[in-house]
């Protein structure tokens, strides 16, 4: 059985995600095998909020190289955009970053 902290790996802190945080939309890196229901339950458990909707994307790893020929890839990962309900409180972690 996975815990909520196994599903939610880290928050995504970018300019675009911080602007969306004003509309109660938060972005997280999540486990590759996690589905939308598991992600919603994990966010509700960790932060004590109500989740309205979850959108997910599979992000491909970027191609990188070191030196002349050897080319490799960064690992692929999964991103989740979580929208909270209107009556839910906001996530305090993101408040001081805007």
PDB file of N, CA and C in Angstrom:
ATOM      1  N   UNK A   1       0.849  -1.191   0.000  1.00  0.00           N
ATOM      2  CA  UNK A   1       0.000   0.000   0.000  1.00  0.00           C
ATOM      3  C   UNK A   1       0.886   1.244   0.000  1.00  0.00           C
ATOM      4  N   UNK A   2       0.597   2.158  -0.902  1.00  0.00           N
ATOM      5  CA  UNK A   2       1.359   3.390  -0.992  1.00  0.00           C
ATOM      6  C   UNK A   2       0.813   4.416  -0.013  1.00  0.00           C
ATOM      7  N   UNK A   3       1.714   5.194   0.543  1.00  0.00           N
ATOM      8  CA  UNK A   3       1.283   6.301   1.382  1.00  0.00           C
ATOM      9  C   UNK A   3       1.079   7.531   0.501  1.00  0.00           C
ATOM     10  N   UNK A   4       0.486   8.571   1.075  1.00  0.00           N
ATOM     11  CA  UNK A   4       0.255   9.806   0.328  1.00  0.00           C
ATOM     12  C   UNK A   4       1.579  10.449  -0.076  1.00  0.00           C
ATOM     13  N   UNK A   5       2.601  10.287   0.742  1.00  0.00           N
ATOM     14  CA  UNK A   5       3.900  10.878   0.447  1.00  0.00           C
ATOM     15  C   UNK A   5       4.645  10.099  -0.639  1.00  0.00           C
ATOM     16  N   UNK A   6       4.253   8.853  -0.912  1.00  0.00           N
ATOM     17  CA  UNK A   6       4.819   8.113  -2.035  1.00  0.00           C
ATOM     18  C   UNK A   6       4.199   8.576  -3.349  1.00  0.00           C
ATOM     19  N   UNK A   7       2.959   9.040  -3.300  1.00  0.00           N
ATOM     20  CA  UNK A   7       2.256   9.483  -4.506  1.00  0.00           C
ATOM     21  C   UNK A   7       2.664  10.904  -4.884  1.00  0.00           C
ATOM     22  N   UNK A   8       2.636  11.831  -3.919  1.00  0.00           N
ATOM     23  CA  UNK A   8       3.027  13.219  -4.169  1.00  0.00           C
ATOM     24  C   UNK A   8       4.518  13.336  -3.897  1.00  0.00           C
ATOM     25  N   UNK A   9       5.316  13.545  -4.957  1.00  0.00           N
ATOM     26  CA  UNK A   9       6.761  13.605  -4.790  1.00  0.00           C
ATOM     27  C   UNK A   9       7.244  14.995  -4.387  1.00  0.00           C
ATOM     28  N   UNK A  10       6.831  16.033  -5.149  1.00  0.00           N
ATOM     29  CA  UNK A  10       7.285  17.391  -4.847  1.00  0.00           C
ATOM     30  C   UNK A  10       6.368  18.379  -5.549  1.00  0.00           C
ATOM     31  N   UNK A  11       6.301  19.607  -5.044  1.00  0.00           N
ATOM     32  CA  UNK A  11       5.543  20.647  -5.752  1.00  0.00           C
ATOM     33  C   UNK A  11       6.376  21.206  -6.906  1.00  0.00           C
ATOM     34  N   UNK A  12       5.698  21.656  -7.934  1.00  0.00           N
ATOM     35  CA  UNK A  12       6.351  22.305  -9.062  1.00  0.00           C
ATOM     36  C   UNK A  12       6.249  23.810  -8.831  1.00  0.00           C
ATOM     37  N   UNK A  13       7.385  24.479  -8.693  1.00  0.00           N
ATOM     38  CA  UNK A  13       7.407  25.908  -8.419  1.00  0.00           C
ATOM     39  C   UNK A  13       7.997  26.613  -9.631  1.00  0.00           C
ATOM     40  N   UNK A  14       7.109  27.094 -10.504  1.00  0.00           N
ATOM     41  CA  UNK A  14       7.505  27.861 -11.675  1.00  0.00           C
ATOM     42  C   UNK A  14       6.656  29.119 -11.721  1.00  0.00           C
ATOM     43  N   UNK A  15       6.996  30.006 -12.612  1.00  0.00           N
ATOM     44  CA  UNK A  15       6.248  31.252 -12.742  1.00  0.00           C
ATOM     45  C   UNK A  15       4.798  30.978 -13.125  1.00  0.00           C
ATOM     46  N   UNK A  16       4.609  30.075 -14.059  1.00  0.00           N
ATOM     47  CA  UNK A  16       3.271  29.758 -14.530  1.00  0.00           C
ATOM     48  C   UNK A  16       2.440  29.058 -13.450  1.00  0.00           C
ATOM     49  N   UNK A  17       3.047  28.144 -12.707  1.00  0.00           N
ATOM     50  CA  UNK A  17       2.305  27.444 -11.668  1.00  0.00           C
ATOM     51  C   UNK A  17       1.974  28.352 -10.487  1.00  0.00           C
ATOM     52  N   UNK A  18       2.813  29.349 -10.231  1.00  0.00           N
ATOM     53  CA  UNK A  18       2.529  30.286  -9.144  1.00  0.00           C
ATOM     54  C   UNK A  18       1.377  31.230  -9.508  1.00  0.00           C
ATOM     55  N   UNK A  19       1.254  31.597 -10.782  1.00  0.00           N
ATOM     56  CA  UNK A  19       0.116  32.403 -11.213  1.00  0.00           C
ATOM     57  C   UNK A  19      -1.180  31.618 -11.103  1.00  0.00           C
ATOM     58  N   UNK A  20      -1.139  30.325 -11.394  1.00  0.00           N
ATOM     59  CA  UNK A  20      -2.325  29.483 -11.290  1.00  0.00           C
ATOM     60  C   UNK A  20      -2.713  29.237  -9.834  1.00  0.00           C
ATOM     61  N   UNK A  21      -1.768  29.351  -8.913  1.00  0.00           N
ATOM     62  CA  UNK A  21      -2.056  29.134  -7.495  1.00  0.00           C
ATOM     63  C   UNK A  21      -3.039  30.169  -6.958  1.00  0.00           C
ATOM     64  N   UNK A  22      -3.108  31.330  -7.583  1.00  0.00           N
ATOM     65  CA  UNK A  22      -4.079  32.348  -7.179  1.00  0.00           C
ATOM     66  C   UNK A  22      -5.508  31.895  -7.454  1.00  0.00           C
ATOM     67  N   UNK A  23      -5.685  31.000  -8.436  1.00  0.00           N
ATOM     68  CA  UNK A  23      -7.002  30.437  -8.772  1.00  0.00           C
ATOM     69  C   UNK A  23      -7.230  29.089  -8.113  1.00  0.00           C
ATOM     70  N   UNK A  24      -6.440  28.757  -7.100  1.00  0.00           N
ATOM     71  CA  UNK A  24      -6.502  27.478  -6.382  1.00  0.00           C
ATOM     72  C   UNK A  24      -6.212  26.286  -7.287  1.00  0.00           C
ATOM     73  N   UNK A  25      -5.225  26.461  -8.184  1.00  0.00           N
ATOM     74  CA  UNK A  25      -4.739  25.366  -9.026  1.00  0.00           C
ATOM     75  C   UNK A  25      -3.271  25.156  -8.679  1.00  0.00           C
ATOM     76  N   UNK A  26      -2.941  23.977  -8.201  1.00  0.00           N
ATOM     77  CA  UNK A  26      -1.590  23.678  -7.734  1.00  0.00           C
ATOM     78  C   UNK A  26      -1.006  22.538  -8.553  1.00  0.00           C
ATOM     79  N   UNK A  27       0.306  22.589  -8.782  1.00  0.00           N
ATOM     80  CA  UNK A  27       0.987  21.622  -9.635  1.00  0.00           C
ATOM     81  C   UNK A  27       1.984  20.812  -8.809  1.00  0.00           C
ATOM     82  N   UNK A  28       1.977  19.490  -9.029  1.00  0.00           N
ATOM     83  CA  UNK A  28       2.854  18.580  -8.291  1.00  0.00           C
ATOM     84  C   UNK A  28       3.477  17.571  -9.244  1.00  0.00           C
ATOM     85  N   UNK A  29       4.673  17.105  -8.892  1.00  0.00           N
ATOM     86  CA  UNK A  29       5.229  15.921  -9.537  1.00  0.00           C
ATOM     87  C   UNK A  29       4.716  14.729  -8.741  1.00  0.00           C
ATOM     88  N   UNK A  30       4.188  13.733  -9.442  1.00  0.00           N
ATOM     89  CA  UNK A  30       3.569  12.591  -8.777  1.00  0.00           C
ATOM     90  C   UNK A  30       4.195  11.294  -9.295  1.00  0.00           C
ATOM     91  N   UNK A  31       3.870  10.191  -8.641  1.00  0.00           N
ATOM     92  CA  UNK A  31       4.372   8.883  -9.044  1.00  0.00           C
ATOM     93  C   UNK A  31       3.821   8.523 -10.418  1.00  0.00           C
ATOM     94  N   UNK A  32       4.629   7.858 -11.238  1.00  0.00           N
ATOM     95  CA  UNK A  32       4.232   7.512 -12.602  1.00  0.00           C
ATOM     96  C   UNK A  32       2.996   6.617 -12.642  1.00  0.00           C
ATOM     97  N   UNK A  33       2.844   5.740 -11.660  1.00  0.00           N
ATOM     98  CA  UNK A  33       1.734   4.786 -11.688  1.00  0.00           C
ATOM     99  C   UNK A  33       0.514   5.250 -10.894  1.00  0.00           C
ATOM    100  N   UNK A  34       0.509   6.492 -10.419  1.00  0.00           N
ATOM    101  CA  UNK A  34      -0.613   7.012  -9.639  1.00  0.00           C
ATOM    102  C   UNK A  34      -1.733   7.463 -10.580  1.00  0.00           C
ATOM    103  N   UNK A  35      -2.981   7.160 -10.202  1.00  0.00           N
ATOM    104  CA  UNK A  35      -4.103   7.636 -11.004  1.00  0.00           C
ATOM    105  C   UNK A  35      -4.712   8.874 -10.353  1.00  0.00           C
ATOM    106  N   UNK A  36      -5.715   9.464 -11.010  1.00  0.00           N
ATOM    107  CA  UNK A  36      -6.281  10.731 -10.557  1.00  0.00           C
ATOM    108  C   UNK A  36      -6.958  10.603  -9.195  1.00  0.00           C
ATOM    109  N   UNK A  37      -7.599   9.495  -8.937  1.00  0.00           N
ATOM    110  CA  UNK A  37      -8.281   9.293  -7.653  1.00  0.00           C
ATOM    111  C   UNK A  37      -7.272   9.216  -6.523  1.00  0.00           C
ATOM    112  N   UNK A  38      -6.179   8.480  -6.734  1.00  0.00           N
ATOM    113  CA  UNK A  38      -5.133   8.376  -5.713  1.00  0.00           C
ATOM    114  C   UNK A  38      -4.478   9.735  -5.462  1.00  0.00           C
ATOM    115  N   UNK A  39      -4.260  10.510  -6.521  1.00  0.00           N
ATOM    116  CA  UNK A  39      -3.643  11.828  -6.377  1.00  0.00           C
ATOM    117  C   UNK A  39      -4.552  12.748  -5.569  1.00  0.00           C
ATOM    118  N   UNK A  40      -5.851  12.740  -5.867  1.00  0.00           N
ATOM    119  CA  UNK A  40      -6.806  13.593  -5.147  1.00  0.00           C
ATOM    120  C   UNK A  40      -6.849  13.235  -3.669  1.00  0.00           C
ATOM    121  N   UNK A  41      -6.880  11.951  -3.353  1.00  0.00           N
ATOM    122  CA  UNK A  41      -6.913  11.517  -1.948  1.00  0.00           C
ATOM    123  C   UNK A  41      -5.623  11.886  -1.226  1.00  0.00           C
ATOM    124  N   UNK A  42      -4.484  11.776  -1.915  1.00  0.00           N
ATOM    125  CA  UNK A  42      -3.199  12.105  -1.298  1.00  0.00           C
ATOM    126  C   UNK A  42      -3.110  13.593  -0.979  1.00  0.00           C
ATOM    127  N   UNK A  43      -3.553  14.457  -1.895  1.00  0.00           N
ATOM    128  CA  UNK A  43      -3.514  15.900  -1.654  1.00  0.00           C
ATOM    129  C   UNK A  43      -4.452  16.264  -0.513  1.00  0.00           C
ATOM    130  N   UNK A  44      -5.639  15.659  -0.483  1.00  0.00           N
ATOM    131  CA  UNK A  44      -6.582  15.926   0.605  1.00  0.00           C
ATOM    132  C   UNK A  44      -6.011  15.500   1.952  1.00  0.00           C
ATOM    133  N   UNK A  45      -5.317  14.356   1.970  1.00  0.00           N
ATOM    134  CA  UNK A  45      -4.743  13.850   3.222  1.00  0.00           C
ATOM    135  C   UNK A  45      -3.573  14.707   3.706  1.00  0.00           C
ATOM    136  N   UNK A  46      -2.685  15.088   2.807  1.00  0.00           N
ATOM    137  CA  UNK A  46      -1.485  15.822   3.200  1.00  0.00           C
ATOM    138  C   UNK A  46      -1.812  17.255   3.607  1.00  0.00           C
ATOM    139  N   UNK A  47      -2.615  17.947   2.795  1.00  0.00           N
ATOM    140  CA  UNK A  47      -2.832  19.372   3.010  1.00  0.00           C
ATOM    141  C   UNK A  47      -4.162  19.710   3.676  1.00  0.00           C
ATOM    142  N   UNK A  48      -5.069  18.752   3.831  1.00  0.00           N
ATOM    143  CA  UNK A  48      -6.344  19.002   4.486  1.00  0.00           C
ATOM    144  C   UNK A  48      -7.256  19.924   3.696  1.00  0.00           C
ATOM    145  N   UNK A  49      -7.342  19.722   2.391  1.00  0.00           N
ATOM    146  CA  UNK A  49      -8.169  20.547   1.515  1.00  0.00           C
ATOM    147  C   UNK A  49      -9.157  19.649   0.767  1.00  0.00           C
ATOM    148  N   UNK A  50     -10.080  20.264   0.011  1.00  0.00           N
ATOM    149  CA  UNK A  50     -11.021  19.519  -0.821  1.00  0.00           C
ATOM    150  C   UNK A  50     -10.642  19.694  -2.280  1.00  0.00           C
ATOM    151  N   UNK A  51     -10.478  18.584  -2.998  1.00  0.00           N
ATOM    152  CA  UNK A  51     -10.060  18.608  -4.394  1.00  0.00           C
ATOM    153  C   UNK A  51     -11.291  18.520  -5.293  1.00  0.00           C
ATOM    154  N   UNK A  52     -11.377  19.430  -6.273  1.00  0.00           N
ATOM    155  CA  UNK A  52     -12.479  19.416  -7.231  1.00  0.00           C
ATOM    156  C   UNK A  52     -12.108  18.626  -8.483  1.00  0.00           C
ATOM    157  N   UNK A  53     -10.872  18.805  -8.979  1.00  0.00           N
ATOM    158  CA  UNK A  53     -10.497  18.202 -10.253  1.00  0.00           C
ATOM    159  C   UNK A  53      -8.996  17.952 -10.285  1.00  0.00           C
ATOM    160  N   UNK A  54      -8.591  16.906 -11.003  1.00  0.00           N
ATOM    161  CA  UNK A  54      -7.174  16.587 -11.185  1.00  0.00           C
ATOM    162  C   UNK A  54      -6.921  16.367 -12.677  1.00  0.00           C
ATOM    163  N   UNK A  55      -5.945  17.083 -13.228  1.00  0.00           N
ATOM    164  CA  UNK A  55      -5.479  16.863 -14.600  1.00  0.00           C
ATOM    165  C   UNK A  55      -4.061  16.330 -14.524  1.00  0.00           C
ATOM    166  N   UNK A  56      -3.738  15.336 -15.358  1.00  0.00           N
ATOM    167  CA  UNK A  56      -2.400  14.753 -15.335  1.00  0.00           C
ATOM    168  C   UNK A  56      -1.767  14.801 -16.717  1.00  0.00           C
ATOM    169  N   UNK A  57      -0.435  14.862 -16.728  1.00  0.00           N
ATOM    170  CA  UNK A  57       0.358  14.831 -17.964  1.00  0.00           C
ATOM    171  C   UNK A  57       1.568  13.937 -17.744  1.00  0.00           C
ATOM    172  N   UNK A  58       1.912  13.144 -18.746  1.00  0.00           N
ATOM    173  CA  UNK A  58       3.163  12.410 -18.725  1.00  0.00           C
ATOM    174  C   UNK A  58       4.202  13.254 -19.439  1.00  0.00           C
ATOM    175  N   UNK A  59       5.228  13.671 -18.714  1.00  0.00           N
ATOM    176  CA  UNK A  59       6.262  14.544 -19.258  1.00  0.00           C
ATOM    177  C   UNK A  59       7.439  13.678 -19.736  1.00  0.00           C
ATOM    178  N   UNK A  60       7.871  13.912 -20.966  1.00  0.00           N
ATOM    179  CA  UNK A  60       9.011  13.180 -21.504  1.00  0.00           C
ATOM    180  C   UNK A  60      10.302  13.802 -21.003  1.00  0.00           C
ATOM    181  N   UNK A  61      11.292  12.969 -20.759  1.00  0.00           N
ATOM    182  CA  UNK A  61      12.586  13.464 -20.326  1.00  0.00           C
ATOM    183  C   UNK A  61      13.307  14.167 -21.467  1.00  0.00           C
ATOM    184  N   UNK A  62      14.016  15.237 -21.136  1.00  0.00           N
ATOM    185  CA  UNK A  62      14.735  15.984 -22.161  1.00  0.00           C
ATOM    186  C   UNK A  62      15.991  15.227 -22.588  1.00  0.00           C
ATOM    187  N   UNK A  63      16.363  15.394 -23.856  1.00  0.00           N
ATOM    188  CA  UNK A  63      17.597  14.805 -24.368  1.00  0.00           C
ATOM    189  C   UNK A  63      18.754  15.701 -23.937  1.00  0.00           C
ATOM    190  N   UNK A  64      19.732  15.119 -23.308  1.00  0.00           N
ATOM    191  CA  UNK A  64      20.917  15.857 -22.846  1.00  0.00           C
ATOM    192  C   UNK A  64      22.159  15.110 -23.299  1.00  0.00           C
ATOM    193  N   UNK A  65      23.238  15.847 -23.429  1.00  0.00           N
ATOM    194  CA  UNK A  65      24.500  15.190 -23.762  1.00  0.00           C
ATOM    195  C   UNK A  65      25.629  15.825 -22.974  1.00  0.00           C
ATOM    196  N   UNK A  66      26.632  15.034 -22.717  1.00  0.00           N
ATOM    197  CA  UNK A  66      27.828  15.516 -22.055  1.00  0.00           C
ATOM    198  C   UNK A  66      28.997  15.139 -22.954  1.00  0.00           C
ATOM    199  N   UNK A  67      29.660  16.141 -23.482  1.00  0.00           N
ATOM    200  CA  UNK A  67      30.739  15.842 -24.408  1.00  0.00           C
ATOM    201  C   UNK A  67      30.231  15.828 -25.829  1.00  0.00           C
ATOM    202  N   UNK A  68      30.919  15.098 -26.666  1.00  0.00           N
ATOM    203  CA  UNK A  68      30.642  15.180 -28.094  1.00  0.00           C
ATOM    204  C   UNK A  68      29.537  14.237 -28.543  1.00  0.00           C
ATOM    205  N   UNK A  69      29.651  12.937 -28.318  1.00  0.00           N
ATOM    206  CA  UNK A  69      28.707  11.977 -28.874  1.00  0.00           C
ATOM    207  C   UNK A  69      27.733  11.365 -27.870  1.00  0.00           C
ATOM    208  N   UNK A  70      28.151  11.018 -26.687  1.00  0.00           N
ATOM    209  CA  UNK A  70      27.211  10.274 -25.833  1.00  0.00           C
ATOM    210  C   UNK A  70      25.974  11.119 -25.520  1.00  0.00           C
ATOM    211  N   UNK A  71      24.860  10.614 -25.926  1.00  0.00           N
ATOM    212  CA  UNK A  71      23.608  11.334 -25.718  1.00  0.00           C
ATOM    213  C   UNK A  71      22.743  10.498 -24.782  1.00  0.00           C
ATOM    214  N   UNK A  72      22.124  11.160 -23.822  1.00  0.00           N
ATOM    215  CA  UNK A  72      21.260  10.465 -22.887  1.00  0.00           C
ATOM    216  C   UNK A  72      19.978  11.239 -22.683  1.00  0.00           C
ATOM    217  N   UNK A  73      19.131  10.726 -21.838  1.00  0.00           N
ATOM    218  CA  UNK A  73      17.850  11.360 -21.549  1.00  0.00           C
ATOM    219  C   UNK A  73      17.699  11.523 -20.054  1.00  0.00           C
ATOM    220  N   UNK A  74      17.062  12.625 -19.668  1.00  0.00           N
ATOM    221  CA  UNK A  74      16.613  12.752 -18.298  1.00  0.00           C
ATOM    222  C   UNK A  74      15.408  11.843 -18.137  1.00  0.00           C
ATOM    223  N   UNK A  75      15.102  11.408 -16.930  1.00  0.00           N
ATOM    224  CA  UNK A  75      13.981  10.483 -16.773  1.00  0.00           C
ATOM    225  C   UNK A  75      12.632  11.152 -17.048  1.00  0.00           C
ATOM    226  N   UNK A  76      11.698  10.362 -17.559  1.00  0.00           N
ATOM    227  CA  UNK A  76      10.328  10.832 -17.760  1.00  0.00           C
ATOM    228  C   UNK A  76       9.638  10.889 -16.404  1.00  0.00           C
ATOM    229  N   UNK A  77       8.630  11.765 -16.271  1.00  0.00           N
ATOM    230  CA  UNK A  77       7.931  11.919 -15.004  1.00  0.00           C
ATOM    231  C   UNK A  77       6.489  12.320 -15.263  1.00  0.00           C
ATOM    232  N   UNK A  78       5.698  12.311 -14.210  1.00  0.00           N
ATOM    233  CA  UNK A  78       4.277  12.623 -14.335  1.00  0.00           C
ATOM    234  C   UNK A  78       3.958  13.883 -13.549  1.00  0.00           C
ATOM    235  N   UNK A  79       3.160  14.763 -14.158  1.00  0.00           N
ATOM    236  CA  UNK A  79       2.774  16.024 -13.541  1.00  0.00           C
ATOM    237  C   UNK A  79       1.272  16.022 -13.330  1.00  0.00           C
ATOM    238  N   UNK A  80       0.839  16.548 -12.179  1.00  0.00           N
ATOM    239  CA  UNK A  80      -0.589  16.648 -11.876  1.00  0.00           C
ATOM    240  C   UNK A  80      -0.932  18.081 -11.509  1.00  0.00           C
ATOM    241  N   UNK A  81      -1.982  18.621 -12.140  1.00  0.00           N
ATOM    242  CA  UNK A  81      -2.519  19.925 -11.784  1.00  0.00           C
ATOM    243  C   UNK A  81      -3.808  19.691 -11.005  1.00  0.00           C
ATOM    244  N   UNK A  82      -3.803  20.114  -9.747  1.00  0.00           N
ATOM    245  CA  UNK A  82      -4.921  19.866  -8.837  1.00  0.00           C
ATOM    246  C   UNK A  82      -5.697  21.166  -8.649  1.00  0.00           C
ATOM    247  N   UNK A  83      -7.005  21.120  -8.902  1.00  0.00           N
ATOM    248  CA  UNK A  83      -7.881  22.266  -8.689  1.00  0.00           C
ATOM    249  C   UNK A  83      -8.687  22.017  -7.424  1.00  0.00           C
ATOM    250  N   UNK A  84      -8.685  22.996  -6.524  1.00  0.00           N
ATOM    251  CA  UNK A  84      -9.432  22.874  -5.276  1.00  0.00           C
ATOM    252  C   UNK A  84     -10.836  23.443  -5.438  1.00  0.00           C
ATOM    253  N   UNK A  85     -11.742  23.043  -4.552  1.00  0.00           N
ATOM    254  CA  UNK A  85     -13.096  23.578  -4.582  1.00  0.00           C
ATOM    255  C   UNK A  85     -13.078  25.035  -4.126  1.00  0.00           C
ATOM    256  N   UNK A  86     -14.149  25.758  -4.449  1.00  0.00           N
ATOM    257  CA  UNK A  86     -14.210  27.186  -4.126  1.00  0.00           C
ATOM    258  C   UNK A  86     -14.253  27.431  -2.624  1.00  0.00           C
ATOM    259  N   UNK A  87     -14.894  26.531  -1.871  1.00  0.00           N
ATOM    260  CA  UNK A  87     -15.008  26.724  -0.426  1.00  0.00           C
ATOM    261  C   UNK A  87     -13.831  26.140   0.349  1.00  0.00           C
ATOM    262  N   UNK A  88     -12.871  25.524  -0.330  1.00  0.00           N
ATOM    263  CA  UNK A  88     -11.713  24.937   0.330  1.00  0.00           C
ATOM    264  C   UNK A  88     -10.687  26.014   0.672  1.00  0.00           C
ATOM    265  N   UNK A  89      -9.926  25.755   1.732  1.00  0.00           N
ATOM    266  CA  UNK A  89      -8.839  26.680   2.069  1.00  0.00           C
ATOM    267  C   UNK A  89      -7.692  26.462   1.085  1.00  0.00           C
ATOM    268  N   UNK A  90      -6.808  27.446   0.967  1.00  0.00           N
ATOM    269  CA  UNK A  90      -5.679  27.318   0.055  1.00  0.00           C
ATOM    270  C   UNK A  90      -4.546  26.540   0.740  1.00  0.00           C
ATOM    271  N   UNK A  91      -3.601  26.089  -0.055  1.00  0.00           N
ATOM    272  CA  UNK A  91      -2.452  25.354   0.479  1.00  0.00           C
ATOM    273  C   UNK A  91      -1.424  26.369   0.949  1.00  0.00           C
ATOM    274  N   UNK A  92      -1.064  26.326   2.227  1.00  0.00           N
ATOM    275  CA  UNK A  92      -0.208  27.331   2.849  1.00  0.00           C
ATOM    276  C   UNK A  92       1.208  27.310   2.293  1.00  0.00           C
ATOM    277  N   UNK A  93       1.660  26.177   1.825  1.00  0.00           N
ATOM    278  CA  UNK A  93       3.023  26.045   1.299  1.00  0.00           C
ATOM    279  C   UNK A  93       3.278  27.031   0.165  1.00  0.00           C
ATOM    280  N   UNK A  94       2.282  27.254  -0.700  1.00  0.00           N
ATOM    281  CA  UNK A  94       2.444  28.084  -1.888  1.00  0.00           C
ATOM    282  C   UNK A  94       2.203  29.561  -1.629  1.00  0.00           C
ATOM    283  N   UNK A  95       1.653  29.941  -0.472  1.00  0.00           N
ATOM    284  CA  UNK A  95       1.212  31.314  -0.240  1.00  0.00           C
ATOM    285  C   UNK A  95       2.350  32.323  -0.234  1.00  0.00           C
ATOM    286  N   UNK A  96       3.474  32.030   0.356  1.00  0.00           N
ATOM    287  CA  UNK A  96       4.545  32.995   0.463  1.00  0.00           C
ATOM    288  C   UNK A  96       5.400  33.124  -0.788  1.00  0.00           C
ATOM    289  N   UNK A  97       5.130  32.338  -1.807  1.00  0.00           N
ATOM    290  CA  UNK A  97       5.994  32.297  -2.992  1.00  0.00           C
ATOM    291  C   UNK A  97       5.533  33.223  -4.102  1.00  0.00           C
ATOM    292  N   UNK A  98       4.330  33.722  -4.048  1.00  0.00           N
ATOM    293  CA  UNK A  98       3.808  34.556  -5.139  1.00  0.00           C
ATOM    294  C   UNK A  98       4.343  35.961  -5.049  1.00  0.00           C
TER     295      UNK A  98
END
